[in-house]
N, C-alpha and C. Protein backbone atom coordinates (compact mmCIF):
# COMPACT_ATOMS: atom_id res chain seq x y z
N UNK A 1 13.44 15.20 -26.16
CA UNK A 1 13.18 14.15 -25.83
C UNK A 1 12.84 12.37 -26.73
N UNK A 2 14.21 12.09 -27.73
CA UNK A 2 13.07 10.74 -28.58
C UNK A 2 12.31 10.04 -27.62
N UNK A 3 11.54 9.95 -26.70
CA UNK A 3 10.87 8.86 -26.42
C UNK A 3 9.92 9.69 -26.40
N UNK A 4 9.34 10.55 -26.86
CA UNK A 4 8.10 11.62 -26.67
C UNK A 4 7.95 11.92 -28.31
N UNK A 5 8.64 11.24 -28.63
CA UNK A 5 8.31 11.82 -30.57
C UNK A 5 7.42 10.66 -31.40
N UNK A 6 7.30 9.59 -30.73
CA UNK A 6 6.18 8.55 -30.96
C UNK A 6 5.33 8.49 -30.29
N UNK A 7 4.60 9.17 -29.40
CA UNK A 7 3.69 9.00 -28.43
C UNK A 7 2.18 8.41 -29.65
N UNK A 8 1.97 9.57 -30.14
CA UNK A 8 1.13 9.85 -30.17
C UNK A 8 1.28 8.67 -31.99
N UNK A 9 1.67 7.98 -32.04
CA UNK A 9 2.21 7.67 -33.51
C UNK A 9 0.79 5.94 -33.73
N UNK A 10 1.20 5.34 -32.97
CA UNK A 10 -0.34 4.34 -32.59
C UNK A 10 -0.71 4.37 -31.23
N UNK A 11 -1.27 3.11 -30.50
CA UNK A 11 -2.19 3.31 -29.64
C UNK A 11 -1.23 2.94 -27.97
N UNK A 12 -1.84 4.31 -27.15
CA UNK A 12 -0.83 4.13 -25.95
C UNK A 12 0.07 2.98 -25.68
N UNK A 13 -1.39 1.65 -25.85
CA UNK A 13 -0.79 0.04 -25.59
C UNK A 13 0.69 0.16 -26.07
N UNK A 14 0.34 0.04 -27.87
CA UNK A 14 1.83 0.20 -28.13
C UNK A 14 3.06 0.65 -28.39
N UNK A 15 3.05 2.10 -27.29
CA UNK A 15 3.86 2.77 -27.00
C UNK A 15 4.38 2.12 -26.39
N UNK A 16 3.79 1.43 -25.29
CA UNK A 16 4.41 1.58 -23.74
C UNK A 16 4.87 0.12 -24.17
N UNK A 17 4.51 -1.29 -25.32
CA UNK A 17 5.11 -2.30 -25.09
C UNK A 17 6.18 -1.99 -25.91
N UNK A 18 6.59 -1.27 -26.94
CA UNK A 18 7.31 -0.95 -27.20
C UNK A 18 8.31 0.00 -26.61
N UNK A 19 8.15 0.40 -25.55
CA UNK A 19 9.63 1.13 -24.49
C UNK A 19 9.45 -0.25 -23.53
N UNK A 20 8.91 -1.20 -23.48
CA UNK A 20 9.17 -1.87 -22.69
C UNK A 20 9.72 -3.56 -22.82
N UNK A 21 9.70 -3.38 -24.72
CA UNK A 21 10.76 -3.90 -24.87
C UNK A 21 12.23 -3.36 -25.48
N UNK A 22 12.17 -2.16 -25.27
CA UNK A 22 13.96 -1.20 -25.39
C UNK A 22 13.55 -0.92 -27.47
N UNK A 23 12.31 -1.02 -27.77
CA UNK A 23 12.70 -0.34 -29.04
C UNK A 23 12.78 0.86 -29.25
N UNK A 24 11.96 1.71 -27.61
CA UNK A 24 11.64 3.08 -27.40
C UNK A 24 12.59 3.43 -26.15
N UNK A 25 13.48 4.49 -25.80
CA UNK A 25 13.89 4.61 -24.85
C UNK A 25 13.17 4.50 -23.97
N UNK A 26 13.63 4.14 -22.68
CA UNK A 26 13.09 4.80 -21.58
C UNK A 26 13.09 6.14 -21.16
N UNK A 27 12.36 6.58 -20.94
CA UNK A 27 11.86 8.35 -19.88
C UNK A 27 13.08 8.65 -19.46
N UNK A 28 13.45 9.88 -19.04
CA UNK A 28 14.77 10.44 -18.29
C UNK A 28 14.52 9.77 -16.92
N UNK A 29 13.37 9.93 -16.56
CA UNK A 29 12.89 10.13 -14.93
C UNK A 29 12.88 8.60 -14.39
N UNK A 30 12.27 7.65 -15.65
CA UNK A 30 12.64 6.24 -15.35
C UNK A 30 14.24 5.71 -15.35
N UNK A 31 15.15 6.56 -15.84
CA UNK A 31 16.09 6.20 -16.05
C UNK A 31 16.94 6.81 -14.25
N UNK A 32 16.19 7.63 -14.27
CA UNK A 32 17.33 8.87 -12.98
C UNK A 32 16.83 7.47 -11.84
N UNK A 33 15.32 7.29 -11.76
CA UNK A 33 14.75 6.61 -10.52
C UNK A 33 15.28 5.07 -10.34
N UNK A 34 16.09 3.92 -11.30
CA UNK A 34 16.36 2.88 -11.61
C UNK A 34 14.78 2.41 -11.93
N UNK A 35 13.67 2.66 -12.55
CA UNK A 35 12.50 2.50 -12.63
C UNK A 35 12.43 1.59 -14.36
N UNK A 36 11.39 0.27 -13.63
CA UNK A 36 11.59 -0.89 -14.48
C UNK A 36 10.46 -1.31 -15.09
N UNK A 37 10.10 -0.85 -16.41
CA UNK A 37 8.62 -1.49 -16.97
C UNK A 37 8.17 -2.36 -16.99
N UNK A 38 7.57 -3.34 -15.68
CA UNK A 38 7.93 -5.16 -15.72
C UNK A 38 7.21 -5.78 -16.44
N UNK A 39 5.58 -5.15 -17.04
CA UNK A 39 4.94 -5.56 -17.37
C UNK A 39 3.42 -4.31 -17.94
N UNK A 40 2.94 -4.68 -18.61
CA UNK A 40 1.82 -3.62 -19.18
C UNK A 40 0.77 -4.56 -20.24
N UNK A 41 0.19 -4.46 -19.90
CA UNK A 41 -1.37 -4.46 -20.80
C UNK A 41 -2.13 -3.45 -20.99
N UNK A 42 -3.60 -3.63 -21.39
CA UNK A 42 -4.49 -2.78 -21.49
C UNK A 42 -5.19 -2.70 -19.59
N UNK A 43 -5.00 -1.27 -19.40
CA UNK A 43 -5.74 -0.88 -18.11
C UNK A 43 -4.63 -1.86 -17.30
N UNK A 44 -3.52 -1.82 -17.53
CA UNK A 44 -2.69 -2.30 -16.49
C UNK A 44 -1.41 -2.19 -16.14
N UNK A 45 -0.70 -1.34 -15.76
CA UNK A 45 0.97 -1.33 -15.91
C UNK A 45 1.90 -1.80 -14.96
N UNK A 46 2.65 -2.52 -14.76
CA UNK A 46 3.95 -2.65 -13.60
C UNK A 46 5.02 -2.14 -13.40
N UNK A 47 5.74 -1.23 -12.13
CA UNK A 47 7.05 -1.19 -12.31
C UNK A 47 7.75 -1.65 -11.32
N UNK A 48 8.94 -1.77 -11.22
CA UNK A 48 9.57 -1.95 -10.07
C UNK A 48 10.65 -1.59 -10.64
N UNK A 49 11.44 -1.04 -8.85
CA UNK A 49 12.53 -0.27 -8.79
C UNK A 49 13.49 -0.89 -7.29
N UNK A 50 14.55 -1.29 -7.10
CA UNK A 50 15.20 -1.88 -6.20
C UNK A 50 15.80 -0.67 -5.58
N UNK A 51 15.32 -0.24 -4.41
CA UNK A 51 16.11 0.81 -3.36
C UNK A 51 17.21 0.74 -3.36
N UNK A 52 17.91 2.19 -3.43
CA UNK A 52 19.42 1.73 -3.30
C UNK A 52 19.52 3.49 -1.73
N UNK A 53 20.75 3.06 -2.05
CA UNK A 53 21.37 4.68 -0.96
C UNK A 53 20.96 6.11 -1.49
N UNK A 54 20.78 6.30 -3.08
CA UNK A 54 20.55 7.80 -3.93
C UNK A 54 19.31 7.64 -3.48
N UNK A 55 17.99 7.31 -2.77
CA UNK A 55 16.51 7.15 -2.70
C UNK A 55 16.22 7.86 -1.66
N UNK A 56 17.71 7.81 -0.86
CA UNK A 56 17.38 8.25 0.54
C UNK A 56 17.21 9.90 1.33
N UNK A 57 16.14 9.25 2.04
CA UNK A 57 16.14 11.17 2.65
C UNK A 57 17.03 11.21 3.95
N UNK A 58 17.04 12.59 4.64
CA UNK A 58 17.85 12.68 5.27
C UNK A 58 17.90 11.98 6.71
N UNK A 59 16.99 11.24 7.10
CA UNK A 59 15.80 10.61 8.29
C UNK A 59 16.50 8.87 8.39
N UNK A 60 17.15 8.58 7.08
CA UNK A 60 17.65 6.95 7.14
C UNK A 60 16.85 6.44 5.97
N UNK A 61 15.38 7.04 5.70
CA UNK A 61 14.80 5.83 4.56
C UNK A 61 14.51 6.12 3.48
N UNK A 62 14.10 5.81 2.29
CA UNK A 62 13.69 5.96 1.27
C UNK A 62 12.74 7.35 1.01
N UNK A 63 13.07 7.88 0.73
CA UNK A 63 12.04 9.54 0.41
C UNK A 63 11.21 8.74 0.19
N UNK A 64 10.11 9.54 0.35
CA UNK A 64 8.65 9.21 0.17
C UNK A 64 8.33 9.47 -1.68
N UNK A 65 8.93 10.85 -2.34
CA UNK A 65 9.07 10.48 -3.43
C UNK A 65 8.99 9.56 -4.09
N UNK A 66 9.92 8.74 -4.21
CA UNK A 66 9.97 7.25 -5.03
C UNK A 66 9.05 6.55 -4.61
N UNK A 67 7.82 6.36 -3.32
CA UNK A 67 6.63 5.34 -3.51
C UNK A 67 6.00 6.45 -4.61
N UNK A 68 5.92 7.57 -4.57
CA UNK A 68 4.74 8.78 -4.78
C UNK A 68 5.26 8.60 -6.27
N UNK A 69 6.04 8.55 -6.94
CA UNK A 69 6.44 8.86 -8.21
C UNK A 69 6.16 7.45 -9.09
N UNK A 70 6.36 6.11 -8.21
CA UNK A 70 5.93 5.21 -9.10
C UNK A 70 3.95 4.96 -8.99
N UNK A 71 3.63 5.34 -8.17
CA UNK A 71 2.37 5.43 -7.69
C UNK A 71 1.81 6.05 -9.24
N UNK A 72 2.77 7.19 -9.51
CA UNK A 72 2.22 8.25 -10.41
C UNK A 72 2.45 7.11 -11.47
N UNK A 73 3.49 6.97 -11.80
CA UNK A 73 3.81 6.06 -13.12
C UNK A 73 2.59 5.17 -13.33
N UNK A 74 2.72 4.08 -12.41
CA UNK A 74 2.03 2.91 -13.28
C UNK A 74 0.34 3.31 -12.64
N UNK A 75 -0.12 4.23 -12.28
CA UNK A 75 -1.50 4.57 -12.50
C UNK A 75 -1.51 5.22 -14.28
N UNK A 76 -0.49 6.31 -14.18
CA UNK A 76 -0.51 6.75 -15.36
C UNK A 76 -0.13 5.97 -16.57
N UNK A 77 0.62 4.89 -16.78
CA UNK A 77 0.81 4.22 -17.54
C UNK A 77 -0.41 3.35 -18.02
N UNK A 78 -1.02 3.01 -17.13
CA UNK A 78 -2.46 2.29 -16.97
C UNK A 78 -3.06 2.79 -17.46
N UNK A 79 -3.51 4.05 -16.81
CA UNK A 79 -4.58 5.20 -18.34
C UNK A 79 -4.26 5.19 -19.74
N UNK A 80 -2.73 5.60 -19.74
CA UNK A 80 -2.11 5.68 -20.82
C UNK A 80 -2.12 3.94 -22.21
N UNK A 81 -1.65 3.12 -21.55
CA UNK A 81 -2.66 1.49 -22.26
C UNK A 81 -3.69 1.66 -22.50
N UNK A 82 -4.74 2.29 -22.25
CA UNK A 82 -6.06 2.37 -22.55
C UNK A 82 -6.52 3.35 -24.15
N UNK A 83 -5.37 4.69 -24.13
CA UNK A 83 -5.29 4.95 -25.50
C UNK A 83 -5.35 4.82 -26.90
N UNK A 84 -6.09 5.62 -27.69
CA UNK A 84 -6.07 5.47 -28.95
C UNK A 84 -5.05 6.36 -29.18
N UNK A 85 -4.61 6.15 -30.17
CA UNK A 85 -4.16 6.32 -31.28
C UNK A 85 -4.34 8.23 -31.28
N UNK A 86 -3.71 8.96 -31.37
CA UNK A 86 -3.52 10.60 -31.31
C UNK A 86 -4.28 11.09 -29.80
N UNK A 87 -4.83 10.15 -28.77
CA UNK A 87 -4.90 10.64 -27.70
C UNK A 87 -3.60 11.10 -26.68
N UNK A 88 -3.22 11.71 -25.94
CA UNK A 88 -2.35 12.15 -24.69
C UNK A 88 -3.43 12.09 -23.65
N UNK A 89 -2.55 12.06 -22.47
CA UNK A 89 -3.10 12.05 -21.14
C UNK A 89 -2.24 12.94 -20.53
N UNK A 90 -2.70 13.32 -19.20
CA UNK A 90 -1.66 14.34 -18.11
C UNK A 90 -2.47 13.78 -16.55
N UNK A 91 -1.72 13.93 -15.73
CA UNK A 91 -2.18 13.78 -14.06
C UNK A 91 -2.81 14.75 -13.60
N UNK A 92 -4.12 14.67 -12.98
CA UNK A 92 -4.61 16.21 -12.44
C UNK A 92 -4.41 15.72 -11.11
N UNK A 93 -4.65 14.68 -10.43
CA UNK A 93 -4.51 14.40 -9.25
C UNK A 93 -3.75 13.21 -8.96
N UNK A 94 -2.80 13.04 -7.84
CA UNK A 94 -2.04 11.83 -7.29
C UNK A 94 -2.94 11.83 -6.11
N UNK A 95 -2.86 11.21 -5.30
CA UNK A 95 -3.10 10.99 -3.75
C UNK A 95 -2.17 9.42 -3.38
N UNK A 96 -1.15 9.91 -2.13
CA UNK A 96 -0.72 8.35 -2.22
C UNK A 96 -1.02 8.61 -0.32
N UNK A 97 -0.75 7.29 -0.05
CA UNK A 97 -1.12 6.73 1.57
C UNK A 97 0.63 5.92 2.03
N UNK A 98 1.33 5.88 2.43
CA UNK A 98 2.20 5.13 3.14
C UNK A 98 2.27 4.24 4.26
N UNK A 99 2.03 3.52 4.00
CA UNK A 99 2.37 2.42 4.77
C UNK A 99 2.67 1.85 6.07
N UNK A 100 4.32 1.90 4.92
CA UNK A 100 5.33 1.08 5.72
C UNK A 100 6.36 1.85 5.31
N UNK A 101 7.49 2.28 6.12
CA UNK A 101 9.20 3.13 5.60
C UNK A 101 9.77 1.29 4.42
N UNK A 102 10.78 2.55 3.90
CA UNK A 102 11.02 1.64 2.47
C UNK A 102 12.43 1.90 2.26
N UNK A 103 13.18 0.67 2.64
CA UNK A 103 15.06 0.64 2.99
C UNK A 103 15.73 -0.10 1.88
N UNK A 104 16.63 0.10 2.02
CA UNK A 104 17.25 -1.07 1.07
C UNK A 104 17.23 -2.09 0.82
N UNK A 105 17.37 -2.69 3.06
CA UNK A 105 16.68 -3.88 3.10
C UNK A 105 15.08 -4.65 2.80
N UNK A 106 14.29 -3.51 2.30
CA UNK A 106 12.72 -4.20 2.01
C UNK A 106 13.12 -5.15 0.44
N UNK A 107 14.69 -4.60 -0.06
CA UNK A 107 14.66 -5.05 -1.25
C UNK A 107 13.51 -4.75 -2.54
N UNK A 108 13.83 -5.12 -3.85
CA UNK A 108 12.96 -4.57 -4.54
C UNK A 108 11.33 -4.57 -4.43
N UNK A 109 10.78 -3.64 -4.88
CA UNK A 109 9.37 -3.24 -4.56
C UNK A 109 8.81 -2.90 -6.02
N UNK A 110 7.55 -3.11 -5.91
CA UNK A 110 6.87 -3.58 -7.15
C UNK A 110 5.75 -2.77 -7.06
N UNK A 111 5.19 -2.07 -8.04
CA UNK A 111 3.86 -1.14 -8.15
C UNK A 111 2.77 -1.20 -9.10
N UNK A 112 1.83 -1.86 -8.85
CA UNK A 112 0.67 -2.29 -9.93
C UNK A 112 0.17 -0.98 -10.20
N UNK A 113 -0.43 -0.77 -11.10
CA UNK A 113 -1.41 0.57 -11.45
C UNK A 113 -2.65 -0.57 -12.42
N UNK A 114 -4.11 -0.05 -11.42
CA UNK A 114 -4.83 -0.50 -12.36
C UNK A 114 -6.08 0.78 -12.91
N UNK A 115 -6.72 0.41 -13.68
CA UNK A 115 -7.61 2.03 -14.69
C UNK A 115 -8.91 1.16 -13.54
N UNK A 116 -9.72 2.05 -12.72
CA UNK A 116 -10.93 1.99 -12.19
C UNK A 116 -11.98 2.25 -13.43
N UNK A 117 -11.73 3.84 -13.81
CA UNK A 117 -12.87 4.10 -14.47
C UNK A 117 -11.75 4.98 -15.66
N UNK A 118 -12.78 4.21 -16.84
CA UNK A 118 -11.67 5.06 -18.14
C UNK A 118 -13.02 5.47 -19.23
N UNK A 119 -12.76 6.96 -18.79
CA UNK A 119 -14.54 7.79 -19.58
C UNK A 119 -13.76 8.77 -20.53
N UNK A 120 -14.73 9.81 -21.58
CA UNK A 120 -14.19 10.15 -22.77
C UNK A 120 -12.99 11.21 -22.49
N UNK A 121 -12.97 12.03 -21.42
CA UNK A 121 -11.86 13.05 -20.61
C UNK A 121 -11.22 12.82 -18.96
N UNK A 122 -11.85 11.94 -18.58
CA UNK A 122 -11.40 11.52 -17.39
C UNK A 122 -11.49 10.35 -17.45
N UNK A 123 -10.00 10.05 -17.02
CA UNK A 123 -9.44 8.31 -16.09
C UNK A 123 -9.01 8.34 -14.85
N UNK A 124 -9.81 7.64 -14.31
CA UNK A 124 -9.24 7.23 -12.94
C UNK A 124 -8.22 5.81 -12.18
N UNK A 125 -7.12 6.01 -11.83
CA UNK A 125 -6.86 4.60 -11.30
C UNK A 125 -6.46 4.04 -9.76
N UNK A 126 -5.71 3.23 -9.52
CA UNK A 126 -5.03 3.00 -8.14
C UNK A 126 -4.12 2.00 -8.44
N UNK A 127 -3.06 2.46 -7.35
CA UNK A 127 -1.96 1.76 -7.55
C UNK A 127 -1.53 1.45 -6.11
N UNK A 128 -0.77 -0.07 -5.80
CA UNK A 128 -0.66 -0.46 -4.53
C UNK A 128 1.12 -0.61 -5.05
N UNK A 129 1.97 -0.63 -3.63
CA UNK A 129 3.35 -0.77 -4.43
C UNK A 129 3.49 -2.06 -2.97
N UNK A 130 4.11 -2.55 -2.77
CA UNK A 130 4.43 -3.84 -2.35
C UNK A 130 6.33 -4.36 -2.21
N UNK A 131 6.03 -4.81 -1.18
CA UNK A 131 7.99 -5.76 -1.36
C UNK A 131 7.64 -6.60 -1.98
N UNK A 132 8.66 -7.40 -2.78
CA UNK A 132 8.72 -8.31 -3.45
C UNK A 132 8.76 -9.60 -3.06
N UNK A 133 10.10 -8.77 -1.74
CA UNK A 133 10.25 -10.70 -1.37
C UNK A 133 8.83 -11.21 -0.29
N UNK A 134 8.08 -10.21 0.00
CA UNK A 134 6.92 -10.23 1.15
C UNK A 134 6.01 -10.07 1.81
N UNK A 135 5.62 -9.48 0.10
CA UNK A 135 4.32 -8.90 -0.70
C UNK A 135 3.41 -8.02 0.39
N UNK A 136 4.43 -8.06 1.68
CA UNK A 136 3.58 -6.39 2.50
C UNK A 136 3.89 -5.21 1.59
N UNK A 137 2.49 -5.08 2.37
CA UNK A 137 1.63 -3.35 1.54
C UNK A 137 2.18 -2.50 1.51
N UNK A 138 3.35 -1.73 0.65
CA UNK A 138 4.51 0.07 1.48
C UNK A 138 3.28 0.74 1.50
N UNK A 139 2.81 1.07 -0.01
CA UNK A 139 2.36 2.09 0.39
C UNK A 139 0.78 2.21 -1.20
N UNK A 140 0.39 2.53 -1.15
CA UNK A 140 -1.15 2.75 -2.14
C UNK A 140 -1.59 4.54 -2.22
N UNK A 141 -2.38 4.58 -3.26
CA UNK A 141 -3.07 5.43 -3.87
C UNK A 141 -3.58 5.33 -4.93
N UNK A 142 -4.04 6.82 -6.00
CA UNK A 142 -5.11 7.13 -6.41
C UNK A 142 -5.09 8.04 -7.74
N UNK A 143 -5.12 8.14 -8.27
CA UNK A 143 -4.68 8.97 -9.96
C UNK A 143 -5.96 9.31 -10.53
N UNK A 144 -6.61 10.70 -10.86
CA UNK A 144 -7.09 11.40 -12.06
C UNK A 144 -6.21 11.73 -12.80
N UNK A 145 -6.80 11.55 -14.52
CA UNK A 145 -6.36 11.89 -15.18
C UNK A 145 -7.08 12.28 -16.64
N UNK A 146 -6.23 13.66 -17.32
CA UNK A 146 -7.05 13.98 -18.46
C UNK A 146 -6.74 13.56 -19.53
N UNK A 147 -7.46 13.25 -20.31
CA UNK A 147 -7.77 12.83 -21.37
C UNK A 147 -7.55 14.10 -22.34
N UNK A 148 -7.41 13.85 -23.91
CA UNK A 148 -6.98 15.23 -24.34
C UNK A 148 -6.60 14.64 -26.51
N UNK A 149 -6.65 15.54 -26.61
CA UNK A 149 -6.51 15.10 -27.56
C UNK A 149 -4.76 15.56 -28.26
N UNK A 150 -3.97 15.08 -29.06
CA UNK A 150 -2.53 15.02 -28.78
C UNK A 150 -2.29 16.33 -29.72
C-alpha cells in the first residue's frame, strides 16, 4: 500500500500534512468511507464526511460505525501528529458515546481529535463529532494508543 510505505521516513505531522496536501494518497479506508482530512497540526486532527445512503444501516440511519471510525481516525491521527521520525502507533482502545442519530439530512459532519496525554509508550486522545451546519454534538469518544519503534 503506497500510503504506508513512507510513514516512518519523517515525523508523523510531516506525513499527515503530505497526505492532506495530496502528495501522499489517502488510505483506502478513508476513500471507502468518503473521509476528508480537513486540518492537522501538532496534537490535533480534523476529519469530515458528508453522510450518504451507503453509510446507512437497516433501520434507516447512518451506521454507528461511521461515527466510531471517524473518532478512531481523528484520535489516532492527533496522536500520529506528535510522533517523531521512526515511531509508529496503534489503537489499543476506543470508546464511543452516541448523542444523536446521523442521517443524510444532518449534512457534513466534522470530527476533531486532540491529544490529552502523550507519554513515551502510551498516548490518549479525545474527539467530538458535530454537525457542521448546526454545531450539534452527534458523538464523542476517547482512545488509547500504543507508541512503538517502527
